[in-house]
C-alpha atoms as a PDB file:
ATOM      1  CA  MET A   1      -3.358 -27.868  -2.742  1.00  0.00           C
ATOM      2  CA  GLN A   2      -2.259 -25.151  -0.394  1.00  0.00           C
ATOM      3  CA  TYR A   3       0.694 -22.948  -1.174  1.00  0.00           C
ATOM      4  CA  LEU A   4       0.798 -21.143   2.151  1.00  0.00           C
ATOM      5  CA  PHE A   5       4.172 -20.922   3.834  1.00  0.00           C
ATOM      6  CA  GLY A   6       4.987 -19.342   7.133  1.00  0.00           C
ATOM      7  CA  LEU A   7       7.248 -19.559  10.117  1.00  0.00           C
ATOM      8  CA  THR A   8       6.115 -19.429  13.693  1.00  0.00           C
ATOM      9  CA  LEU A   9       7.556 -16.834  16.047  1.00  0.00           C
ATOM     10  CA  SER A  10       9.587 -19.462  17.888  1.00  0.00           C
ATOM     11  CA  GLU A  11      11.091 -20.693  14.597  1.00  0.00           C
ATOM     12  CA  MET A  12      12.192 -17.113  13.884  1.00  0.00           C
ATOM     13  CA  GLY A  13      13.676 -16.791  17.373  1.00  0.00           C
ATOM     14  CA  ILE A  14      11.229 -14.170  18.609  1.00  0.00           C
ATOM     15  CA  SER A  15      10.282 -14.625  22.244  1.00  0.00           C
ATOM     16  CA  PRO A  16       7.087 -13.161  23.746  1.00  0.00           C
ATOM     17  CA  LEU A  17       9.164 -10.483  25.510  1.00  0.00           C
ATOM     18  CA  LEU A  18      10.830  -9.476  22.234  1.00  0.00           C
ATOM     19  CA  LEU A  19       7.459  -9.391  20.496  1.00  0.00           C
ATOM     20  CA  ALA A  20       6.081  -7.088  23.203  1.00  0.00           C
ATOM     21  CA  ILE A  21       9.105  -4.790  22.819  1.00  0.00           C
ATOM     22  CA  ILE A  22       8.715  -4.676  19.039  1.00  0.00           C
ATOM     23  CA  ILE A  23       5.013  -3.840  19.306  1.00  0.00           C
ATOM     24  CA  SER A  24       5.520  -1.160  21.964  1.00  0.00           C
ATOM     25  CA  PHE A  25       8.305   0.570  20.031  1.00  0.00           C
ATOM     26  CA  SER A  26       6.234   0.412  16.845  1.00  0.00           C
ATOM     27  CA  ILE A  27       3.344   2.153  18.588  1.00  0.00           C
ATOM     28  CA  LEU A  28       5.730   4.694  20.124  1.00  0.00           C
ATOM     29  CA  PHE A  29       7.230   5.443  16.690  1.00  0.00           C
ATOM     30  CA  ILE A  30       3.821   5.986  15.097  1.00  0.00           C
ATOM     31  CA  VAL A  31       2.715   8.317  17.907  1.00  0.00           C
ATOM     32  CA  ALA A  32       5.991  10.284  17.853  1.00  0.00           C
ATOM     33  CA  PHE A  33       5.882  10.572  14.064  1.00  0.00           C
ATOM     34  CA  GLY A  34       2.324  11.878  14.207  1.00  0.00           C
ATOM     35  CA  LEU A  35       3.156  14.467  16.839  1.00  0.00           C
ATOM     36  CA  SER A  36       6.321  15.669  15.120  1.00  0.00           C
ATOM     37  CA  SER A  37       4.785  15.871  11.658  1.00  0.00           C
ATOM     38  CA  LYS A  38       1.907  17.912  13.057  1.00  0.00           C
ATOM     39  CA  ASN A  39       4.385  20.413  14.535  1.00  0.00           C
ATOM     40  CA  MET A  40       6.775  20.522  11.581  1.00  0.00           C
ATOM     41  CA  ASP A  41       4.606  22.284   9.041  1.00  0.00           C
ATOM     42  CA  SER A  42       5.847  25.382   7.232  1.00  0.00           C
ATOM     43  CA  ASP A  43       3.679  27.749   9.303  1.00  0.00           C
ATOM     44  CA  GLY A  44       5.068  26.380  12.568  1.00  0.00           C
ATOM     45  CA  ILE A  45       8.654  26.702  11.369  1.00  0.00           C
ATOM     46  CA  MET A  46       8.058  30.258  10.129  1.00  0.00           C
ATOM     47  CA  ASN A  47       6.493  31.227  13.470  1.00  0.00           C
ATOM     48  CA  TRP A  48       9.500  29.799  15.318  1.00  0.00           C
ATOM     49  CA  MET A  49      11.892  31.672  13.026  1.00  0.00           C
ATOM     50  CA  MET A  50      10.085  34.956  13.610  1.00  0.00           C
ATOM     51  CA  LYS A  51      10.021  34.492  17.402  1.00  0.00           C
ATOM     52  CA  LYS A  52      13.704  33.542  17.765  1.00  0.00           C
ATOM     53  CA  PRO A  53      15.747  34.951  14.867  1.00  0.00           C
ATOM     54  CA  GLU A  54      18.962  34.763  16.929  1.00  0.00           C
ATOM     55  CA  ASP A  55      18.640  30.950  17.028  1.00  0.00           C
ATOM     56  CA  TRP A  56      18.808  30.520  13.255  1.00  0.00           C
ATOM     57  CA  ILE A  57      21.708  28.373  12.089  1.00  0.00           C
ATOM     58  CA  GLY A  58      22.833  31.004   9.565  1.00  0.00           C
ATOM     59  CA  ASN A  59      23.064  33.701  12.254  1.00  0.00           C
ATOM     60  CA  LYS A  60      25.647  31.895  14.373  1.00  0.00           C
ATOM     61  CA  LYS A  61      28.812  33.969  14.522  1.00  0.00           C
ATOM     62  CA  SER A  62      31.978  32.053  15.349  1.00  0.00           C
END
């Protein structure tokens, strides 16, 4: 006896175009997350704060 259950893409209402969009945005998200996490370490933030202290949120005078 098999207990496998699954729906095909057409049964879920996912067209080939929608599947291509989902895959491309998934890849884009993973790449963007990798690039941003590499640049958002504590050393990078501290270097930015030391280069541009006038841009700090706490230094904004209204």
